[in-house]
N, C-alpha and C. Protein backbone atom coordinates (compact mmCIF):
# COMPACT_ATOMS: atom_id res chain seq x y z
N MET A 1 0.84 -1.19 0.00
CA MET A 1 0.00 0.00 0.00
C MET A 1 0.88 1.24 0.00
N THR A 2 0.45 2.23 -0.73
CA THR A 2 1.16 3.50 -0.80
C THR A 2 0.33 4.58 -0.13
N VAL A 3 0.92 5.31 0.80
CA VAL A 3 0.21 6.39 1.48
C VAL A 3 0.15 7.59 0.54
N ILE A 4 -1.06 8.06 0.29
CA ILE A 4 -1.29 9.23 -0.58
C ILE A 4 -1.29 10.50 0.26
N SER A 5 -1.99 10.45 1.40
CA SER A 5 -2.05 11.61 2.30
C SER A 5 -2.32 11.10 3.71
N SER A 6 -2.06 11.98 4.67
CA SER A 6 -2.27 11.59 6.07
C SER A 6 -2.57 12.82 6.90
N GLY A 7 -3.04 12.57 8.12
CA GLY A 7 -3.35 13.66 9.02
C GLY A 7 -3.79 13.14 10.38
N LYS A 8 -4.21 14.05 11.22
CA LYS A 8 -4.70 13.74 12.57
C LYS A 8 -6.17 14.08 12.66
N LEU A 9 -6.96 13.14 13.13
CA LEU A 9 -8.36 13.38 13.45
C LEU A 9 -8.40 13.97 14.85
N ASP A 10 -9.08 15.11 15.01
CA ASP A 10 -9.10 15.76 16.31
C ASP A 10 -10.47 16.38 16.55
N GLY A 11 -10.93 16.27 17.77
CA GLY A 11 -12.20 16.87 18.14
C GLY A 11 -12.55 16.49 19.57
N HIS A 12 -13.65 17.04 20.07
CA HIS A 12 -14.07 16.76 21.44
C HIS A 12 -14.54 15.33 21.60
N GLU A 13 -15.07 14.73 20.54
CA GLU A 13 -15.68 13.41 20.63
C GLU A 13 -15.01 12.36 19.76
N ALA A 14 -13.93 12.71 19.04
CA ALA A 14 -13.23 11.74 18.20
C ALA A 14 -11.79 12.19 17.97
N ARG A 15 -10.88 11.20 18.05
CA ARG A 15 -9.46 11.46 17.80
C ARG A 15 -8.82 10.23 17.16
N GLY A 16 -7.73 10.45 16.43
CA GLY A 16 -7.00 9.33 15.84
C GLY A 16 -6.09 9.78 14.72
N ASP A 17 -5.49 8.80 14.07
CA ASP A 17 -4.59 9.03 12.93
C ASP A 17 -5.31 8.62 11.65
N ILE A 18 -5.11 9.41 10.59
CA ILE A 18 -5.78 9.18 9.31
C ILE A 18 -4.74 8.95 8.23
N ALA A 19 -5.02 8.00 7.34
CA ALA A 19 -4.22 7.83 6.13
C ALA A 19 -5.15 7.49 4.98
N ILE A 20 -4.88 8.07 3.82
CA ILE A 20 -5.52 7.65 2.57
C ILE A 20 -4.44 6.85 1.85
N VAL A 21 -4.77 5.61 1.53
CA VAL A 21 -3.78 4.73 0.91
C VAL A 21 -4.28 4.20 -0.42
N LYS A 22 -3.35 3.99 -1.32
CA LYS A 22 -3.67 3.37 -2.60
C LYS A 22 -3.41 1.88 -2.45
N THR A 23 -4.38 1.08 -2.88
CA THR A 23 -4.26 -0.37 -2.83
C THR A 23 -4.33 -0.93 -4.25
N ALA A 24 -4.17 -2.21 -4.38
CA ALA A 24 -4.27 -2.85 -5.69
C ALA A 24 -5.67 -2.69 -6.29
N ASP A 25 -6.68 -2.55 -5.42
CA ASP A 25 -8.07 -2.46 -5.87
C ASP A 25 -8.64 -1.05 -5.89
N GLY A 26 -7.87 -0.05 -5.51
CA GLY A 26 -8.39 1.32 -5.47
C GLY A 26 -7.72 2.12 -4.37
N ALA A 27 -8.54 2.72 -3.50
CA ALA A 27 -8.01 3.53 -2.40
C ALA A 27 -8.88 3.31 -1.16
N GLN A 28 -8.26 3.54 -0.01
CA GLN A 28 -8.94 3.36 1.27
C GLN A 28 -8.63 4.51 2.20
N VAL A 29 -9.58 4.73 3.13
CA VAL A 29 -9.35 5.59 4.29
C VAL A 29 -9.05 4.65 5.44
N GLN A 30 -7.95 4.89 6.14
CA GLN A 30 -7.59 4.09 7.29
C GLN A 30 -7.52 5.00 8.52
N LEU A 31 -8.23 4.60 9.57
CA LEU A 31 -8.18 5.30 10.84
C LEU A 31 -7.48 4.37 11.84
N ARG A 32 -6.48 4.89 12.53
CA ARG A 32 -5.74 4.12 13.53
C ARG A 32 -5.73 4.89 14.84
N ASN A 33 -5.53 4.17 15.93
CA ASN A 33 -5.54 4.80 17.26
C ASN A 33 -6.82 5.62 17.47
N LEU A 34 -7.91 5.09 16.96
CA LEU A 34 -9.19 5.80 16.96
C LEU A 34 -9.86 5.74 18.32
N TRP A 35 -10.33 6.87 18.77
CA TRP A 35 -11.19 6.97 19.94
C TRP A 35 -12.40 7.80 19.55
N VAL A 36 -13.59 7.25 19.79
CA VAL A 36 -14.85 7.96 19.58
C VAL A 36 -15.64 7.83 20.88
N ALA A 37 -16.26 8.92 21.30
CA ALA A 37 -17.04 8.93 22.54
C ALA A 37 -17.97 7.72 22.57
N PRO A 38 -17.88 6.91 23.61
CA PRO A 38 -18.69 5.70 23.67
C PRO A 38 -20.18 6.00 23.83
N GLY A 39 -21.00 5.16 23.20
CA GLY A 39 -22.44 5.25 23.35
C GLY A 39 -23.12 6.27 22.46
N ALA A 40 -22.37 6.97 21.63
CA ALA A 40 -22.98 7.97 20.75
C ALA A 40 -23.79 7.27 19.66
N PRO A 41 -24.97 7.78 19.37
CA PRO A 41 -25.81 7.13 18.35
C PRO A 41 -25.45 7.56 16.93
N ASP A 42 -25.47 6.61 16.02
CA ASP A 42 -25.37 6.88 14.58
C ASP A 42 -24.19 7.78 14.19
N VAL A 43 -23.00 7.35 14.57
CA VAL A 43 -21.78 8.08 14.22
C VAL A 43 -21.33 7.61 12.84
N ARG A 44 -21.09 8.55 11.95
CA ARG A 44 -20.77 8.26 10.55
C ARG A 44 -19.42 8.85 10.16
N LEU A 45 -18.79 8.20 9.19
CA LEU A 45 -17.52 8.64 8.64
C LEU A 45 -17.75 9.26 7.27
N TYR A 46 -17.16 10.43 7.04
CA TYR A 46 -17.28 11.13 5.76
C TYR A 46 -15.90 11.53 5.25
N VAL A 47 -15.80 11.67 3.93
CA VAL A 47 -14.66 12.34 3.32
C VAL A 47 -15.20 13.54 2.57
N SER A 48 -14.36 14.57 2.48
CA SER A 48 -14.80 15.80 1.83
C SER A 48 -13.62 16.49 1.16
N PRO A 49 -13.87 17.20 0.06
CA PRO A 49 -12.81 18.01 -0.52
C PRO A 49 -12.53 19.26 0.34
N ARG A 50 -13.48 19.60 1.20
CA ARG A 50 -13.32 20.77 2.09
C ARG A 50 -12.34 20.44 3.20
N THR A 51 -11.81 21.47 3.83
CA THR A 51 -10.85 21.27 4.92
C THR A 51 -11.33 21.87 6.24
N ASP A 52 -12.64 22.15 6.33
CA ASP A 52 -13.16 22.81 7.53
C ASP A 52 -14.05 21.92 8.39
N GLY A 53 -14.19 20.64 8.04
CA GLY A 53 -15.00 19.73 8.83
C GLY A 53 -16.49 19.84 8.58
N GLU A 54 -16.89 20.59 7.58
CA GLU A 54 -18.31 20.78 7.26
C GLU A 54 -18.84 19.56 6.50
N VAL A 55 -19.98 19.04 6.96
CA VAL A 55 -20.67 17.98 6.23
C VAL A 55 -21.76 18.64 5.40
N ASP A 56 -21.52 18.73 4.10
CA ASP A 56 -22.48 19.35 3.19
C ASP A 56 -22.62 18.45 1.96
N GLU A 57 -23.15 19.01 0.88
CA GLU A 57 -23.38 18.21 -0.32
C GLU A 57 -22.10 17.72 -0.98
N THR A 58 -20.96 18.28 -0.63
CA THR A 58 -19.69 17.82 -1.20
C THR A 58 -19.11 16.63 -0.44
N ALA A 59 -19.62 16.35 0.74
CA ALA A 59 -19.11 15.25 1.56
C ALA A 59 -19.73 13.92 1.11
N THR A 60 -18.95 12.87 1.22
CA THR A 60 -19.40 11.52 0.88
C THR A 60 -19.34 10.64 2.12
N GLU A 61 -20.47 10.04 2.45
CA GLU A 61 -20.51 9.16 3.61
C GLU A 61 -19.89 7.81 3.27
N LEU A 62 -19.07 7.30 4.20
CA LEU A 62 -18.44 5.99 4.02
C LEU A 62 -19.01 4.94 4.96
N GLY A 63 -19.99 5.30 5.77
CA GLY A 63 -20.63 4.32 6.64
C GLY A 63 -20.50 4.64 8.11
N LYS A 64 -21.04 3.73 8.92
CA LYS A 64 -21.04 3.90 10.37
C LYS A 64 -19.65 3.65 10.95
N VAL A 65 -19.38 4.34 12.05
CA VAL A 65 -18.16 4.10 12.82
C VAL A 65 -18.56 3.18 13.97
N PRO A 66 -18.00 1.97 13.99
CA PRO A 66 -18.39 1.02 15.04
C PRO A 66 -17.89 1.46 16.41
N ASP A 67 -18.67 1.12 17.44
CA ASP A 67 -18.26 1.39 18.83
C ASP A 67 -17.02 0.58 19.18
N HIS A 68 -16.17 1.18 19.96
CA HIS A 68 -15.05 0.50 20.60
C HIS A 68 -14.05 -0.12 19.63
N GLN A 69 -13.91 0.41 18.43
CA GLN A 69 -12.89 -0.09 17.52
C GLN A 69 -11.82 0.97 17.35
N THR A 70 -10.57 0.55 17.51
CA THR A 70 -9.46 1.50 17.40
C THR A 70 -8.89 1.57 15.99
N GLU A 71 -9.34 0.68 15.12
CA GLU A 71 -8.92 0.71 13.72
C GLU A 71 -10.15 0.53 12.83
N VAL A 72 -10.28 1.41 11.86
CA VAL A 72 -11.40 1.35 10.91
C VAL A 72 -10.84 1.61 9.52
N THR A 73 -11.22 0.77 8.57
CA THR A 73 -10.81 0.94 7.18
C THR A 73 -12.05 0.94 6.30
N ARG A 74 -12.12 1.92 5.40
CA ARG A 74 -13.24 2.01 4.46
C ARG A 74 -12.68 2.25 3.06
N ASP A 75 -13.25 1.55 2.08
CA ASP A 75 -12.89 1.79 0.68
C ASP A 75 -13.44 3.13 0.24
N LEU A 76 -12.66 3.84 -0.56
CA LEU A 76 -13.16 5.06 -1.20
C LEU A 76 -13.93 4.65 -2.44
N PRO A 77 -15.10 5.25 -2.67
CA PRO A 77 -15.83 4.97 -3.91
C PRO A 77 -14.98 5.35 -5.12
N ASP A 78 -15.18 4.63 -6.21
CA ASP A 78 -14.37 4.86 -7.42
C ASP A 78 -14.47 6.28 -7.96
N HIS A 79 -15.60 6.97 -7.73
CA HIS A 79 -15.78 8.31 -8.29
C HIS A 79 -15.01 9.39 -7.51
N ILE A 80 -14.38 9.01 -6.40
CA ILE A 80 -13.62 9.99 -5.61
C ILE A 80 -12.13 9.85 -5.90
N ASP A 81 -11.53 10.95 -6.30
CA ASP A 81 -10.08 10.99 -6.51
C ASP A 81 -9.43 11.13 -5.14
N PRO A 82 -8.63 10.15 -4.72
CA PRO A 82 -8.04 10.22 -3.38
C PRO A 82 -7.20 11.47 -3.15
N ALA A 83 -6.61 12.00 -4.20
CA ALA A 83 -5.80 13.21 -4.08
C ALA A 83 -6.65 14.45 -3.81
N GLU A 84 -7.96 14.35 -4.05
CA GLU A 84 -8.87 15.48 -3.84
C GLU A 84 -9.54 15.47 -2.46
N VAL A 85 -9.29 14.45 -1.65
CA VAL A 85 -9.88 14.39 -0.31
C VAL A 85 -9.13 15.38 0.58
N GLY A 86 -9.85 16.39 1.07
CA GLY A 86 -9.24 17.41 1.91
C GLY A 86 -9.35 17.13 3.39
N SER A 87 -10.41 16.37 3.76
CA SER A 87 -10.59 16.07 5.18
C SER A 87 -11.38 14.79 5.35
N VAL A 88 -11.21 14.21 6.54
CA VAL A 88 -11.99 13.07 6.99
C VAL A 88 -12.75 13.54 8.22
N ILE A 89 -14.05 13.20 8.27
CA ILE A 89 -14.95 13.76 9.28
C ILE A 89 -15.68 12.64 10.01
N VAL A 90 -15.77 12.76 11.32
CA VAL A 90 -16.60 11.88 12.13
C VAL A 90 -17.75 12.74 12.65
N HIS A 91 -18.98 12.33 12.35
CA HIS A 91 -20.16 13.17 12.57
C HIS A 91 -21.30 12.32 13.13
N CYS A 92 -21.99 12.85 14.11
CA CYS A 92 -23.18 12.19 14.66
C CYS A 92 -24.39 12.72 13.90
N THR A 93 -25.01 11.85 13.11
CA THR A 93 -26.11 12.30 12.27
C THR A 93 -27.40 12.53 13.05
N VAL A 94 -27.60 11.79 14.14
CA VAL A 94 -28.83 11.95 14.93
C VAL A 94 -28.95 13.38 15.47
N TYR A 95 -27.85 13.90 15.99
CA TYR A 95 -27.86 15.24 16.58
C TYR A 95 -27.20 16.29 15.70
N SER A 96 -26.77 15.87 14.51
CA SER A 96 -26.07 16.77 13.58
C SER A 96 -24.91 17.50 14.28
N VAL A 97 -24.04 16.69 14.90
CA VAL A 97 -22.92 17.23 15.67
C VAL A 97 -21.60 16.71 15.11
N LEU A 98 -20.68 17.62 14.90
CA LEU A 98 -19.32 17.26 14.49
C LEU A 98 -18.59 16.67 15.69
N PHE A 99 -18.13 15.43 15.56
CA PHE A 99 -17.35 14.81 16.64
C PHE A 99 -15.87 15.12 16.49
N GLY A 100 -15.40 15.18 15.25
CA GLY A 100 -14.00 15.50 15.00
C GLY A 100 -13.72 15.41 13.51
N PHE A 101 -12.64 16.05 13.10
CA PHE A 101 -12.22 15.95 11.70
C PHE A 101 -10.72 16.18 11.62
N GLY A 102 -10.17 15.79 10.51
CA GLY A 102 -8.76 16.02 10.26
C GLY A 102 -8.51 16.39 8.83
N THR A 103 -7.67 17.39 8.63
CA THR A 103 -7.27 17.75 7.28
C THR A 103 -6.09 16.86 6.88
N LEU A 104 -5.96 16.67 5.59
CA LEU A 104 -4.95 15.76 5.07
C LEU A 104 -3.84 16.51 4.37
N THR A 105 -2.64 15.99 4.52
CA THR A 105 -1.46 16.53 3.86
C THR A 105 -0.92 15.48 2.92
N ALA A 106 -0.69 15.86 1.66
CA ALA A 106 -0.16 14.91 0.68
C ALA A 106 1.24 14.48 1.09
N GLN A 107 1.53 13.22 0.86
CA GLN A 107 2.86 12.69 1.16
C GLN A 107 3.81 13.04 0.02
N THR A 108 4.95 13.58 0.36
CA THR A 108 5.93 13.95 -0.67
C THR A 108 6.77 12.76 -1.08
N THR A 109 6.90 11.79 -0.19
CA THR A 109 7.59 10.55 -0.56
C THR A 109 6.61 9.41 -0.37
N THR A 110 6.66 8.46 -1.26
CA THR A 110 5.78 7.31 -1.15
C THR A 110 6.56 6.12 -0.63
N GLY A 111 5.83 5.26 0.00
CA GLY A 111 6.46 4.05 0.51
C GLY A 111 5.39 3.06 0.89
N ASP A 112 5.83 1.89 1.24
CA ASP A 112 4.88 0.86 1.63
C ASP A 112 4.55 0.99 3.09
N GLN A 113 3.28 0.75 3.40
CA GLN A 113 2.81 0.76 4.77
C GLN A 113 2.31 -0.63 5.08
N GLN A 114 2.67 -1.14 6.19
CA GLN A 114 2.21 -2.48 6.59
C GLN A 114 0.91 -2.39 7.31
């Protein structure tokens, strides 16, 4: 896997490390060292070209964030250019509350990640 971009997820209700990686089958968002406030209802993961943590019509939902998991991996849909992802967002849809987000920085050197 080649890391395309990376960053830190930060917020009052979610924290962790983010990487967008290229795989043989496409691209993925990988969250590591993830902490999300326990017991929160309907927490969702989004990617966006924006860098301000806003969930709007430009954001793409990648699914639910499971409780108590420190690692989460989601495939990027084929229509999303991984180089155009500006941020990764963790958002509670029930209460429309931003839990945390991280902006991404492109990697200047590529390498394999285990």
